[in-house]
Each structure stands twice: as structure tokens, then as C-alpha cells.
Amino acid sequence: MRLFHVEKPRKRKVYIIKGRLVLFALLLFLIFSVVLFLYNTSFNPVIKEKARVKANYVAVHAINTAVQNKIRDEQITYEDFTEITRKEDGTVSSISINSLALNTFKSGLTDSILKQVSDYGYETVEMRPFAFLGYIFAKIVPRVPIVIVPSQILSADVI
């Protein structure tokens, strides 16, 4: 006859598995946070610089092309914007600017530049996302295409 009944303790596998899952999730979150931090400090400035250089190229090209086309098409000369007053001996006494003609030229030029920038469209630049981790690791990771979209904010001043 037994006086005491002793049961074997139950195994707590469920709690151990949940604890490992929580530890794994925290480790995954930590790795993700470190990669995101490295991305923001190393990769993001590179993207912004490439976008700035490309935007500068597009803007300069659009401005130069628009000015050349406008001057060539309308055969604009210096005298179209100015009125030169001379003395009796032929020396220049004053130069006045035709503001109406100059503002008309400026607005037409601005429209031409905006049209050229919008016609340029999207530009794709390929970069290696983990280049900041080292040269060898950067060569292993494939390139990621980044789309640069030109914005159409433009102001023109005549100097």
C-alpha cells in the first residue's frame, strides 16, 4: 500500500520554445536595426549625392539646349533687349533695357527648359546596397536600380 503518490514533473517544452522564439525575434530585430542604421549613415548619402549630380547635369543640359534653340530659332541679338543712345560724336551715352522683351524672352525660355526637363524622363542609376561593408562584400551583392525623378521647380533671373 502506498502512502504517498508521487507524480513525475511535466516537461515544459512549450515555454522553452516560446523563449527561443522571442530570443530569435529580438536577435533578428537587432540585426535589422544595425543594417538600417548602416544604410542611413552610409548608403543614403551616396544616393542623394548621385541624384544631386544627375539632377545638376539634367538642369545644365536643359538650360544650355533651351537657350541655344531659343536664340537660334528667333535669331535674337543684343539689340533686341537694349536701346543704345549715342552722342553726336558716336560715343555711347546710355543703354536702356527693354524690360518687356526681356521678360517675354525669360518666360519663353523657362517654358522651354521645363519642357526639356519633363521630356528627359526618369533616370535609373544602379548601386550596390552594401558597398559600405567592404569592397569584397560589395562585389558579391547584386546591383539595385534606383529611379531618379526630375522635379520641375524652376525660377529664372536675368543678370
N, C-alpha and C. Protein backbone atom coordinates (compact mmCIF):
# COMPACT_ATOMS: atom_id res chain seq x y z
N MET A 1 0.82 -1.15 0.00
CA MET A 1 0.00 0.00 0.00
C MET A 1 0.89 1.24 0.00
N ARG A 2 0.48 2.20 -0.79
CA ARG A 2 1.26 3.43 -0.90
C ARG A 2 0.64 4.50 -0.06
N LEU A 3 1.49 5.18 0.63
CA LEU A 3 1.02 6.30 1.40
C LEU A 3 1.13 7.62 0.63
N PHE A 4 2.13 7.65 -0.17
CA PHE A 4 2.35 8.87 -0.94
C PHE A 4 2.29 8.55 -2.43
N HIS A 5 1.65 9.41 -3.12
CA HIS A 5 1.60 9.27 -4.58
C HIS A 5 2.51 10.35 -5.20
N VAL A 6 3.53 9.96 -5.88
CA VAL A 6 4.47 10.91 -6.47
C VAL A 6 4.31 10.86 -7.99
N GLU A 7 4.04 12.03 -8.53
CA GLU A 7 3.95 12.12 -9.99
C GLU A 7 5.25 12.69 -10.53
N LYS A 8 5.56 12.29 -11.72
CA LYS A 8 6.74 12.82 -12.37
C LYS A 8 6.43 14.24 -12.83
N PRO A 9 7.40 15.14 -12.70
CA PRO A 9 7.13 16.51 -13.17
C PRO A 9 6.97 16.55 -14.68
N ARG A 10 6.06 17.38 -15.11
CA ARG A 10 5.81 17.53 -16.55
C ARG A 10 6.94 18.34 -17.18
N LYS A 11 7.26 18.00 -18.38
CA LYS A 11 8.29 18.74 -19.10
C LYS A 11 7.69 20.02 -19.66
N ARG A 12 8.46 21.06 -19.62
CA ARG A 12 7.97 22.37 -20.06
C ARG A 12 8.59 22.76 -21.39
N LYS A 13 8.39 21.98 -22.37
CA LYS A 13 8.94 22.24 -23.69
C LYS A 13 8.30 23.46 -24.34
N VAL A 14 7.06 23.68 -24.09
CA VAL A 14 6.34 24.78 -24.70
C VAL A 14 6.97 26.12 -24.31
N TYR A 15 7.31 26.26 -23.03
CA TYR A 15 7.89 27.52 -22.58
C TYR A 15 9.29 27.72 -23.13
N ILE A 16 10.04 26.67 -23.25
CA ILE A 16 11.40 26.77 -23.80
C ILE A 16 11.34 27.20 -25.26
N ILE A 17 10.42 26.65 -26.04
CA ILE A 17 10.28 27.01 -27.45
C ILE A 17 9.85 28.46 -27.60
N LYS A 18 8.91 28.90 -26.77
CA LYS A 18 8.48 30.30 -26.83
C LYS A 18 9.61 31.24 -26.47
N GLY A 19 10.40 30.90 -25.50
CA GLY A 19 11.55 31.71 -25.11
C GLY A 19 12.58 31.80 -26.22
N ARG A 20 12.81 30.70 -26.92
CA ARG A 20 13.75 30.71 -28.04
C ARG A 20 13.21 31.55 -29.20
N LEU A 21 11.92 31.49 -29.43
CA LEU A 21 11.32 32.30 -30.49
C LEU A 21 11.44 33.79 -30.18
N VAL A 22 11.22 34.15 -28.92
CA VAL A 22 11.34 35.55 -28.53
C VAL A 22 12.79 36.00 -28.67
N LEU A 23 13.74 35.17 -28.26
CA LEU A 23 15.15 35.49 -28.39
C LEU A 23 15.55 35.62 -29.86
N PHE A 24 15.06 34.73 -30.69
CA PHE A 24 15.34 34.80 -32.12
C PHE A 24 14.74 36.06 -32.74
N ALA A 25 13.53 36.42 -32.35
CA ALA A 25 12.89 37.64 -32.87
C ALA A 25 13.66 38.88 -32.44
N LEU A 26 14.11 38.92 -31.20
CA LEU A 26 14.92 40.06 -30.74
C LEU A 26 16.24 40.15 -31.48
N LEU A 27 16.87 39.01 -31.71
CA LEU A 27 18.13 38.99 -32.46
C LEU A 27 17.92 39.46 -33.89
N LEU A 28 16.85 39.01 -34.50
CA LEU A 28 16.52 39.44 -35.87
C LEU A 28 16.23 40.94 -35.92
N PHE A 29 15.52 41.45 -34.94
CA PHE A 29 15.24 42.87 -34.85
C PHE A 29 16.52 43.68 -34.67
N LEU A 30 17.43 43.18 -33.86
CA LEU A 30 18.71 43.86 -33.63
C LEU A 30 19.54 43.90 -34.92
N ILE A 31 19.61 42.81 -35.63
CA ILE A 31 20.34 42.77 -36.90
C ILE A 31 19.70 43.73 -37.90
N PHE A 32 18.39 43.73 -37.98
CA PHE A 32 17.69 44.63 -38.89
C PHE A 32 17.97 46.09 -38.53
N SER A 33 17.98 46.40 -37.25
CA SER A 33 18.25 47.78 -36.80
C SER A 33 19.66 48.21 -37.16
N VAL A 34 20.63 47.33 -36.99
CA VAL A 34 22.02 47.66 -37.32
C VAL A 34 22.16 47.89 -38.82
N VAL A 35 21.57 47.03 -39.64
CA VAL A 35 21.63 47.20 -41.09
C VAL A 35 20.94 48.49 -41.51
N LEU A 36 19.81 48.80 -40.92
CA LEU A 36 19.10 50.04 -41.24
C LEU A 36 19.92 51.26 -40.83
N PHE A 37 20.59 51.18 -39.69
CA PHE A 37 21.46 52.28 -39.25
C PHE A 37 22.62 52.47 -40.23
N LEU A 38 23.25 51.39 -40.62
CA LEU A 38 24.35 51.49 -41.59
C LEU A 38 23.86 52.01 -42.93
N TYR A 39 22.68 51.60 -43.33
CA TYR A 39 22.10 52.08 -44.58
C TYR A 39 21.90 53.59 -44.53
N ASN A 40 21.31 54.08 -43.44
CA ASN A 40 21.03 55.52 -43.32
C ASN A 40 22.28 56.35 -43.23
N THR A 41 23.32 55.82 -42.59
CA THR A 41 24.54 56.62 -42.42
C THR A 41 25.49 56.50 -43.60
N SER A 42 25.45 55.41 -44.35
CA SER A 42 26.42 55.21 -45.42
C SER A 42 25.81 55.21 -46.81
N PHE A 43 24.71 54.54 -46.99
CA PHE A 43 24.16 54.36 -48.34
C PHE A 43 23.27 55.52 -48.76
N ASN A 44 22.47 56.02 -47.86
CA ASN A 44 21.54 57.09 -48.18
C ASN A 44 22.24 58.36 -48.68
N PRO A 45 23.34 58.81 -48.05
CA PRO A 45 24.03 59.99 -48.58
C PRO A 45 24.60 59.77 -49.98
N VAL A 46 25.01 58.55 -50.28
CA VAL A 46 25.53 58.25 -51.61
C VAL A 46 24.41 58.38 -52.64
N ILE A 47 23.23 57.89 -52.31
CA ILE A 47 22.08 58.00 -53.23
C ILE A 47 21.75 59.47 -53.46
N LYS A 48 21.72 60.25 -52.38
CA LYS A 48 21.39 61.67 -52.51
C LYS A 48 22.42 62.41 -53.35
N GLU A 49 23.68 62.08 -53.18
CA GLU A 49 24.74 62.75 -53.95
C GLU A 49 24.64 62.38 -55.43
N LYS A 50 24.41 61.10 -55.72
CA LYS A 50 24.25 60.70 -57.13
C LYS A 50 23.04 61.37 -57.75
N ALA A 51 21.95 61.47 -57.00
CA ALA A 51 20.75 62.14 -57.51
C ALA A 51 21.01 63.62 -57.73
N ARG A 52 21.76 64.26 -56.83
CA ARG A 52 22.07 65.68 -56.98
C ARG A 52 22.94 65.92 -58.21
N VAL A 53 23.94 65.08 -58.41
CA VAL A 53 24.82 65.22 -59.58
C VAL A 53 24.03 65.01 -60.87
N LYS A 54 23.17 64.01 -60.88
CA LYS A 54 22.37 63.74 -62.08
C LYS A 54 21.39 64.87 -62.34
N ALA A 55 20.77 65.39 -61.29
CA ALA A 55 19.83 66.50 -61.46
C ALA A 55 20.55 67.74 -61.96
N ASN A 56 21.75 67.98 -61.47
CA ASN A 56 22.54 69.12 -61.93
C ASN A 56 22.88 68.97 -63.42
N TYR A 57 23.23 67.76 -63.81
CA TYR A 57 23.53 67.51 -65.23
C TYR A 57 22.30 67.76 -66.09
N VAL A 58 21.16 67.24 -65.66
CA VAL A 58 19.93 67.42 -66.43
C VAL A 58 19.58 68.90 -66.54
N ALA A 59 19.71 69.63 -65.44
CA ALA A 59 19.36 71.06 -65.44
C ALA A 59 20.28 71.85 -66.35
N VAL A 60 21.59 71.64 -66.23
CA VAL A 60 22.54 72.38 -67.07
C VAL A 60 22.33 72.06 -68.55
N HIS A 61 22.12 70.80 -68.84
CA HIS A 61 21.89 70.40 -70.24
C HIS A 61 20.61 71.02 -70.78
N ALA A 62 19.55 71.00 -69.98
CA ALA A 62 18.27 71.57 -70.42
C ALA A 62 18.38 73.08 -70.62
N ILE A 63 19.06 73.76 -69.72
CA ILE A 63 19.21 75.22 -69.84
C ILE A 63 20.02 75.57 -71.07
N ASN A 64 21.16 74.91 -71.25
CA ASN A 64 22.01 75.22 -72.41
C ASN A 64 21.29 74.95 -73.72
N THR A 65 20.61 73.83 -73.81
CA THR A 65 19.90 73.48 -75.04
C THR A 65 18.76 74.46 -75.30
N ALA A 66 18.01 74.81 -74.26
CA ALA A 66 16.88 75.73 -74.44
C ALA A 66 17.36 77.12 -74.87
N VAL A 67 18.43 77.61 -74.26
CA VAL A 67 18.95 78.93 -74.64
C VAL A 67 19.45 78.92 -76.07
N GLN A 68 20.20 77.90 -76.44
CA GLN A 68 20.71 77.81 -77.82
C GLN A 68 19.57 77.74 -78.83
N ASN A 69 18.58 76.90 -78.56
CA ASN A 69 17.45 76.76 -79.50
C ASN A 69 16.66 78.06 -79.62
N LYS A 70 16.41 78.71 -78.49
CA LYS A 70 15.60 79.94 -78.50
C LYS A 70 16.33 81.06 -79.25
N ILE A 71 17.61 81.22 -78.98
CA ILE A 71 18.37 82.27 -79.67
C ILE A 71 18.49 81.96 -81.16
N ARG A 72 18.72 80.70 -81.50
CA ARG A 72 18.85 80.31 -82.90
C ARG A 72 17.51 80.44 -83.65
N ASP A 73 16.43 79.95 -83.04
CA ASP A 73 15.14 79.96 -83.72
C ASP A 73 14.60 81.38 -83.92
N GLU A 74 14.75 82.21 -82.92
CA GLU A 74 14.20 83.57 -83.01
C GLU A 74 15.25 84.59 -83.46
N GLN A 75 16.48 84.14 -83.69
CA GLN A 75 17.59 84.99 -84.11
C GLN A 75 17.67 86.26 -83.26
N ILE A 76 17.79 86.04 -81.98
CA ILE A 76 17.83 87.12 -81.00
C ILE A 76 19.24 87.70 -80.95
N THR A 77 19.31 89.02 -80.89
CA THR A 77 20.58 89.71 -80.75
C THR A 77 20.52 90.60 -79.51
N TYR A 78 21.65 91.20 -79.19
CA TYR A 78 21.75 92.08 -78.02
C TYR A 78 20.84 93.29 -78.19
N GLU A 79 20.70 93.76 -79.41
CA GLU A 79 19.89 94.95 -79.67
C GLU A 79 18.40 94.71 -79.46
N ASP A 80 17.97 93.45 -79.42
CA ASP A 80 16.55 93.15 -79.18
C ASP A 80 16.15 93.49 -77.74
N PHE A 81 17.10 93.48 -76.82
CA PHE A 81 16.81 93.73 -75.42
C PHE A 81 17.26 95.11 -74.95
N THR A 82 18.02 95.80 -75.74
CA THR A 82 18.58 97.09 -75.30
C THR A 82 18.32 98.18 -76.33
N GLU A 83 18.36 99.38 -75.84
CA GLU A 83 18.29 100.55 -76.71
C GLU A 83 19.51 101.41 -76.36
N ILE A 84 20.38 101.58 -77.32
CA ILE A 84 21.62 102.32 -77.10
C ILE A 84 21.44 103.75 -77.61
N THR A 85 21.71 104.70 -76.73
CA THR A 85 21.64 106.11 -77.10
C THR A 85 23.08 106.62 -77.26
N ARG A 86 23.33 107.29 -78.39
CA ARG A 86 24.68 107.77 -78.67
C ARG A 86 24.69 109.30 -78.74
N LYS A 87 25.85 109.85 -78.43
CA LYS A 87 26.05 111.30 -78.57
C LYS A 87 26.33 111.62 -80.03
N GLU A 88 26.46 112.91 -80.33
CA GLU A 88 26.70 113.33 -81.71
C GLU A 88 28.04 112.83 -82.24
N ASP A 89 29.01 112.63 -81.34
CA ASP A 89 30.32 112.17 -81.80
C ASP A 89 30.40 110.64 -81.92
N GLY A 90 29.31 109.92 -81.62
CA GLY A 90 29.25 108.47 -81.79
C GLY A 90 29.52 107.67 -80.53
N THR A 91 29.88 108.32 -79.44
CA THR A 91 30.10 107.59 -78.19
C THR A 91 28.76 107.26 -77.53
N VAL A 92 28.76 106.20 -76.78
CA VAL A 92 27.54 105.74 -76.12
C VAL A 92 27.27 106.62 -74.91
N SER A 93 26.06 107.17 -74.87
CA SER A 93 25.70 107.99 -73.72
C SER A 93 24.87 107.21 -72.70
N SER A 94 24.04 106.28 -73.17
CA SER A 94 23.26 105.46 -72.24
C SER A 94 22.80 104.19 -72.94
N ILE A 95 22.54 103.20 -72.09
CA ILE A 95 21.97 101.93 -72.56
C ILE A 95 20.76 101.65 -71.69
N SER A 96 19.60 101.54 -72.32
CA SER A 96 18.38 101.22 -71.58
C SER A 96 17.91 99.82 -71.98
N ILE A 97 17.31 99.14 -71.03
CA ILE A 97 16.88 97.76 -71.26
C ILE A 97 15.40 97.74 -71.58
N ASN A 98 15.05 96.96 -72.57
CA ASN A 98 13.66 96.75 -72.94
C ASN A 98 13.13 95.63 -72.04
N SER A 99 12.51 96.02 -70.94
CA SER A 99 12.05 95.05 -69.94
C SER A 99 10.98 94.12 -70.50
N LEU A 100 10.10 94.62 -71.33
CA LEU A 100 9.04 93.80 -71.89
C LEU A 100 9.62 92.67 -72.74
N ALA A 101 10.55 93.01 -73.62
CA ALA A 101 11.16 91.98 -74.47
C ALA A 101 11.96 90.99 -73.64
N LEU A 102 12.66 91.48 -72.62
CA LEU A 102 13.47 90.61 -71.77
C LEU A 102 12.60 89.66 -70.96
N ASN A 103 11.50 90.14 -70.40
CA ASN A 103 10.59 89.27 -69.65
C ASN A 103 9.88 88.27 -70.54
N THR A 104 9.55 88.66 -71.74
CA THR A 104 8.94 87.73 -72.70
C THR A 104 9.92 86.62 -73.05
N PHE A 105 11.17 87.00 -73.29
CA PHE A 105 12.23 86.01 -73.57
C PHE A 105 12.41 85.07 -72.39
N LYS A 106 12.44 85.63 -71.17
CA LYS A 106 12.64 84.84 -69.97
C LYS A 106 11.51 83.84 -69.76
N SER A 107 10.27 84.25 -69.96
CA SER A 107 9.15 83.32 -69.75
C SER A 107 9.14 82.22 -70.80
N GLY A 108 9.44 82.58 -72.05
CA GLY A 108 9.52 81.55 -73.09
C GLY A 108 10.66 80.58 -72.84
N LEU A 109 11.77 81.10 -72.34
CA LEU A 109 12.92 80.26 -72.03
C LEU A 109 12.61 79.31 -70.87
N THR A 110 11.93 79.82 -69.86
CA THR A 110 11.55 78.98 -68.72
C THR A 110 10.64 77.84 -69.16
N ASP A 111 9.68 78.14 -70.04
CA ASP A 111 8.80 77.09 -70.56
C ASP A 111 9.59 76.04 -71.35
N SER A 112 10.55 76.49 -72.14
CA SER A 112 11.37 75.55 -72.92
C SER A 112 12.19 74.65 -72.00
N ILE A 113 12.74 75.23 -70.94
CA ILE A 113 13.55 74.44 -70.01
C ILE A 113 12.68 73.41 -69.29
N LEU A 114 11.50 73.82 -68.83
CA LEU A 114 10.59 72.87 -68.17
C LEU A 114 10.18 71.74 -69.09
N LYS A 115 9.94 72.07 -70.35
CA LYS A 115 9.57 71.03 -71.32
C LYS A 115 10.71 70.04 -71.51
N GLN A 116 11.93 70.55 -71.60
CA GLN A 116 13.07 69.65 -71.79
C GLN A 116 13.30 68.77 -70.56
N VAL A 117 13.12 69.33 -69.38
CA VAL A 117 13.30 68.52 -68.17
C VAL A 117 12.24 67.44 -68.10
N SER A 118 11.00 67.78 -68.44
CA SER A 118 9.94 66.77 -68.41
C SER A 118 10.12 65.73 -69.51
N ASP A 119 10.68 66.13 -70.65
CA ASP A 119 10.94 65.17 -71.72
C ASP A 119 12.09 64.23 -71.37
N TYR A 120 12.97 64.68 -70.49
CA TYR A 120 14.11 63.85 -70.11
C TYR A 120 13.65 62.58 -69.43
N GLY A 121 12.60 62.68 -68.63
CA GLY A 121 12.01 61.50 -68.00
C GLY A 121 12.79 61.00 -66.81
N TYR A 122 12.52 59.74 -66.46
CA TYR A 122 13.14 59.13 -65.30
C TYR A 122 14.54 58.62 -65.66
N GLU A 123 15.41 58.65 -64.70
CA GLU A 123 16.77 58.15 -64.88
C GLU A 123 17.00 57.04 -63.86
N THR A 124 17.57 55.94 -64.31
CA THR A 124 17.85 54.82 -63.42
C THR A 124 19.34 54.73 -63.18
N VAL A 125 19.71 54.68 -61.91
CA VAL A 125 21.10 54.52 -61.51
C VAL A 125 21.19 53.23 -60.72
N GLU A 126 22.18 52.40 -61.04
CA GLU A 126 22.33 51.14 -60.32
C GLU A 126 23.44 51.29 -59.29
N MET A 127 23.15 50.82 -58.07
CA MET A 127 24.12 50.90 -56.97
C MET A 127 24.13 49.58 -56.22
N ARG A 128 25.24 49.32 -55.57
CA ARG A 128 25.34 48.14 -54.70
C ARG A 128 24.96 48.56 -53.29
N PRO A 129 23.91 47.96 -52.71
CA PRO A 129 23.38 48.44 -51.43
C PRO A 129 24.30 48.26 -50.23
N PHE A 130 25.20 47.28 -50.25
CA PHE A 130 26.04 47.05 -49.08
C PHE A 130 27.50 47.37 -49.37
N ALA A 131 27.72 48.38 -50.19
CA ALA A 131 29.09 48.79 -50.52
C ALA A 131 29.82 49.31 -49.30
N PHE A 132 29.10 49.79 -48.30
CA PHE A 132 29.73 50.33 -47.11
C PHE A 132 30.33 49.24 -46.23
N LEU A 133 30.00 47.97 -46.46
CA LEU A 133 30.54 46.90 -45.64
C LEU A 133 31.91 46.42 -46.12
N GLY A 134 32.34 46.87 -47.26
CA GLY A 134 33.66 46.49 -47.75
C GLY A 134 33.64 46.17 -49.22
N TYR A 135 34.80 46.24 -49.83
CA TYR A 135 34.93 46.07 -51.27
C TYR A 135 34.53 44.66 -51.72
N ILE A 136 35.02 43.64 -51.00
CA ILE A 136 34.76 42.25 -51.41
C ILE A 136 33.28 41.93 -51.25
N PHE A 137 32.69 42.33 -50.13
CA PHE A 137 31.27 42.04 -49.90
C PHE A 137 30.40 42.81 -50.89
N ALA A 138 30.84 44.00 -51.27
CA ALA A 138 30.06 44.82 -52.20
C ALA A 138 30.01 44.19 -53.58
N LYS A 139 31.05 43.46 -53.96
CA LYS A 139 31.08 42.81 -55.28
C LYS A 139 30.15 41.60 -55.34
N ILE A 140 29.89 40.98 -54.20
CA ILE A 140 29.03 39.80 -54.17
C ILE A 140 27.56 40.18 -54.31
N VAL A 141 27.17 41.26 -53.68
CA VAL A 141 25.77 41.67 -53.67
C VAL A 141 25.39 42.27 -55.03
N PRO A 142 24.27 41.87 -55.60
CA PRO A 142 23.88 42.42 -56.91
C PRO A 142 23.50 43.90 -56.81
N ARG A 143 23.54 44.55 -57.95
CA ARG A 143 23.19 45.97 -58.00
C ARG A 143 21.68 46.15 -57.88
N VAL A 144 21.30 47.27 -57.27
CA VAL A 144 19.89 47.60 -57.09
C VAL A 144 19.59 48.84 -57.91
N PRO A 145 18.58 48.80 -58.80
CA PRO A 145 18.26 50.00 -59.57
C PRO A 145 17.53 51.03 -58.71
N ILE A 146 17.97 52.28 -58.83
CA ILE A 146 17.34 53.39 -58.12
C ILE A 146 16.86 54.38 -59.16
N VAL A 147 15.59 54.74 -59.10
CA VAL A 147 14.99 55.64 -60.07
C VAL A 147 15.07 57.07 -59.55
N ILE A 148 15.63 57.95 -60.38
CA ILE A 148 15.72 59.37 -60.05
C ILE A 148 14.68 60.10 -60.88
N VAL A 149 13.80 60.81 -60.21
CA VAL A 149 12.71 61.51 -60.88
C VAL A 149 13.02 63.00 -60.88
N PRO A 150 13.11 63.62 -62.06
CA PRO A 150 13.37 65.07 -62.07
C PRO A 150 12.13 65.84 -61.64
N SER A 151 12.34 66.82 -60.78
CA SER A 151 11.22 67.67 -60.39
C SER A 151 11.26 68.94 -61.22
N GLN A 152 10.14 69.58 -61.34
CA GLN A 152 10.04 70.72 -62.24
C GLN A 152 9.81 72.01 -61.47
N ILE A 153 10.77 72.39 -60.67
CA ILE A 153 10.71 73.65 -59.97
C ILE A 153 11.79 74.53 -60.58
N LEU A 154 11.38 75.65 -61.12
CA LEU A 154 12.33 76.47 -61.85
C LEU A 154 12.00 77.94 -61.67
N SER A 155 13.04 78.71 -61.47
CA SER A 155 12.88 80.17 -61.46
C SER A 155 14.03 80.72 -62.29
N ALA A 156 13.76 81.80 -62.97
CA ALA A 156 14.76 82.38 -63.86
C ALA A 156 14.94 83.86 -63.52
N ASP A 157 16.18 84.28 -63.47
CA ASP A 157 16.51 85.68 -63.25
C ASP A 157 17.53 86.09 -64.32
N VAL A 158 17.41 87.30 -64.76
CA VAL A 158 18.34 87.82 -65.74
C VAL A 158 19.39 88.65 -65.00
N ILE A 159 20.64 88.31 -65.25
CA ILE A 159 21.74 89.04 -64.61
C ILE A 159 22.50 89.80 -65.69
